[in-house]
Protein backbone atom coordinates (compact mmCIF):
# COMPACT_ATOMS: atom_id res chain seq x y z
CA UNK A 1 55.09 8.32 -3.11
CA UNK A 2 57.00 5.20 -2.01
CA UNK A 3 56.71 6.31 1.64
CA UNK A 4 52.95 6.70 1.34
CA UNK A 5 52.56 3.25 -0.23
CA UNK A 6 54.85 1.73 2.41
CA UNK A 7 52.92 3.47 5.19
CA UNK A 8 49.55 2.27 3.87
CA UNK A 9 50.90 -1.25 3.48
CA UNK A 10 52.09 -1.31 7.09
CA UNK A 11 48.75 0.05 8.37
CA UNK A 12 46.84 -2.55 6.33
CA UNK A 13 49.07 -5.36 7.59
CA UNK A 14 48.64 -4.29 11.22
CA UNK A 15 44.86 -4.04 10.81
CA UNK A 16 44.70 -7.49 9.22
CA UNK A 17 46.87 -9.01 11.95
CA UNK A 18 44.65 -7.62 14.70
CA UNK A 19 41.37 -8.89 13.18
CA UNK A 20 41.40 -12.31 14.90
CA UNK A 21 42.05 -10.63 18.25
CA UNK A 22 39.12 -8.27 17.83
CA UNK A 23 36.82 -11.09 16.69
CA UNK A 24 37.40 -13.23 19.77
CA UNK A 25 35.82 -12.28 23.05
CA UNK A 26 35.61 -13.30 26.67
CA UNK A 27 32.41 -14.76 28.10
CA UNK A 28 31.80 -11.69 30.29
CA UNK A 29 32.12 -9.31 27.34
CA UNK A 30 29.09 -10.80 25.58
CA UNK A 31 27.05 -12.96 27.99
CA UNK A 32 25.47 -12.47 31.43
CA UNK A 33 25.85 -15.41 33.84
CA UNK A 34 23.02 -14.03 36.01
CA UNK A 35 20.54 -14.41 33.13
CA UNK A 36 20.12 -18.17 32.86
CA UNK A 37 17.79 -19.66 30.29
CA UNK A 38 16.44 -23.13 29.47
CA UNK A 39 15.11 -23.49 25.93
CA UNK A 40 13.79 -26.32 23.78
CA UNK A 41 13.74 -26.10 20.02
CA UNK A 42 14.36 -27.65 16.64
CA UNK A 43 17.89 -27.53 15.23
CA UNK A 44 17.99 -25.41 12.06
CA UNK A 45 21.73 -24.91 11.50
CA UNK A 46 25.09 -26.07 12.89
CA UNK A 47 28.39 -24.26 12.27
CA UNK A 48 31.15 -26.64 13.40
CA UNK A 49 34.01 -24.14 13.10
CA UNK A 50 36.68 -22.42 15.19
CA UNK A 51 36.88 -20.51 17.42
CA UNK A 52 33.39 -21.56 18.62
CA UNK A 53 30.78 -24.02 17.41
CA UNK A 54 27.43 -22.32 16.89
CA UNK A 55 24.04 -23.94 16.43
CA UNK A 56 20.62 -22.45 15.88
CA UNK A 57 17.18 -23.51 17.10
CA UNK A 58 13.65 -22.53 16.21
CA UNK A 59 12.07 -21.97 19.63
CA UNK A 60 8.32 -21.62 20.14
CA UNK A 61 7.49 -18.78 22.53
CA UNK A 62 4.61 -18.62 24.99
CA UNK A 63 2.69 -16.60 22.38
CA UNK A 64 3.15 -19.42 19.84
CA UNK A 65 5.56 -17.38 17.73
CA UNK A 66 8.67 -19.21 16.43
CA UNK A 67 11.97 -17.36 16.92
CA UNK A 68 15.41 -18.50 15.78
CA UNK A 69 18.03 -18.46 18.57
CA UNK A 70 21.82 -18.79 18.26
CA UNK A 71 23.83 -20.85 20.76
CA UNK A 72 27.58 -20.60 21.22
CA UNK A 73 29.51 -23.64 22.40
CA UNK A 74 33.24 -24.16 22.90
CA UNK A 75 35.74 -24.92 20.16
CA UNK A 76 35.49 -28.19 18.21
CA UNK A 77 38.55 -29.79 19.87
CA UNK A 78 37.12 -29.30 23.38
CA UNK A 79 33.72 -30.61 22.33
CA UNK A 80 35.31 -33.66 20.71
CA UNK A 81 37.24 -34.30 23.93
CA UNK A 82 33.94 -34.54 25.80
CA UNK A 83 32.26 -36.88 23.32
CA UNK A 84 30.79 -34.57 20.69
CA UNK A 85 31.14 -35.24 16.97
CA UNK A 86 29.88 -33.28 13.98
CA UNK A 87 26.87 -35.62 13.91
CA UNK A 88 25.93 -35.64 17.61
CA UNK A 89 23.25 -33.06 16.86
CA UNK A 90 21.36 -33.10 13.57
CA UNK A 91 19.21 -30.62 11.66
CA UNK A 92 15.54 -31.22 12.48
CA UNK A 93 16.12 -32.75 15.92
CA UNK A 94 14.61 -31.27 19.06
CA UNK A 95 17.10 -30.50 21.82
CA UNK A 96 17.06 -28.79 25.22
CA UNK A 97 19.70 -26.18 26.04
CA UNK A 98 20.74 -24.46 29.27
CA UNK A 99 22.96 -21.43 29.21
CA UNK A 100 23.48 -17.70 29.70
CA UNK A 101 21.74 -14.96 27.72
CA UNK A 102 23.53 -12.31 25.70
CA UNK A 103 24.02 -9.02 27.55
CA UNK A 104 22.52 -7.04 24.68
CA UNK A 105 19.17 -8.87 24.86
CA UNK A 106 19.54 -10.54 21.48
CA UNK A 107 18.42 -14.12 20.92
CA UNK A 108 21.92 -15.48 21.58
CA UNK A 109 22.99 -17.83 24.36
CA UNK A 110 26.29 -19.23 25.59
CA UNK A 111 25.27 -22.88 25.94
CA UNK A 112 26.36 -24.67 29.13
CA UNK A 113 24.82 -28.04 28.28
CA UNK A 114 22.65 -29.66 25.64
CA UNK A 115 20.26 -32.56 26.12
CA UNK A 116 20.00 -34.62 22.94
CA UNK A 117 16.79 -36.35 21.75
CA UNK A 118 17.94 -39.64 23.33
CA UNK A 119 18.13 -37.91 26.74
CA UNK A 120 21.91 -37.64 26.92
CA UNK A 121 23.03 -34.43 28.68
CA UNK A 122 26.28 -33.16 27.20
CA UNK A 123 28.53 -30.31 28.30
CA UNK A 124 28.96 -27.59 25.70
CA UNK A 125 32.53 -26.53 26.63
CA UNK A 126 31.11 -23.17 27.67
CA UNK A 127 33.49 -20.24 27.88
CA UNK A 128 31.70 -19.33 31.13
CA UNK A 129 34.02 -21.74 32.92
CA UNK A 130 31.26 -23.68 34.69
CA UNK A 131 31.52 -27.47 34.69
CA UNK A 132 28.23 -29.07 33.57
């Protein structure tokens, strides 16, 4: 019985230790650099967390329908190094974003740069490796 408990404990510990590795991804695993997009929308949510900052926009389509899109940026420390703060972008503001679409066709984008309401174009520390 002790061997079974020990074996299960080891398996659980190995699974838990590998979780962060499975959760992180390379740009090419999730996004397609050949599918560039430029979108304008209203900020609905900002998740300023590691390993990537995410923000969400309500974007009005050509048909007038509003769709919520998710945008991945780099990690907080890289964004801060290029002038971003937690309050650079605010809920309710309208911003423009350029980036690469998700490979799976979902409404997710790896943001390359963001233009704020005051017209300032800021790099998004994209994992694509392209300098804005």
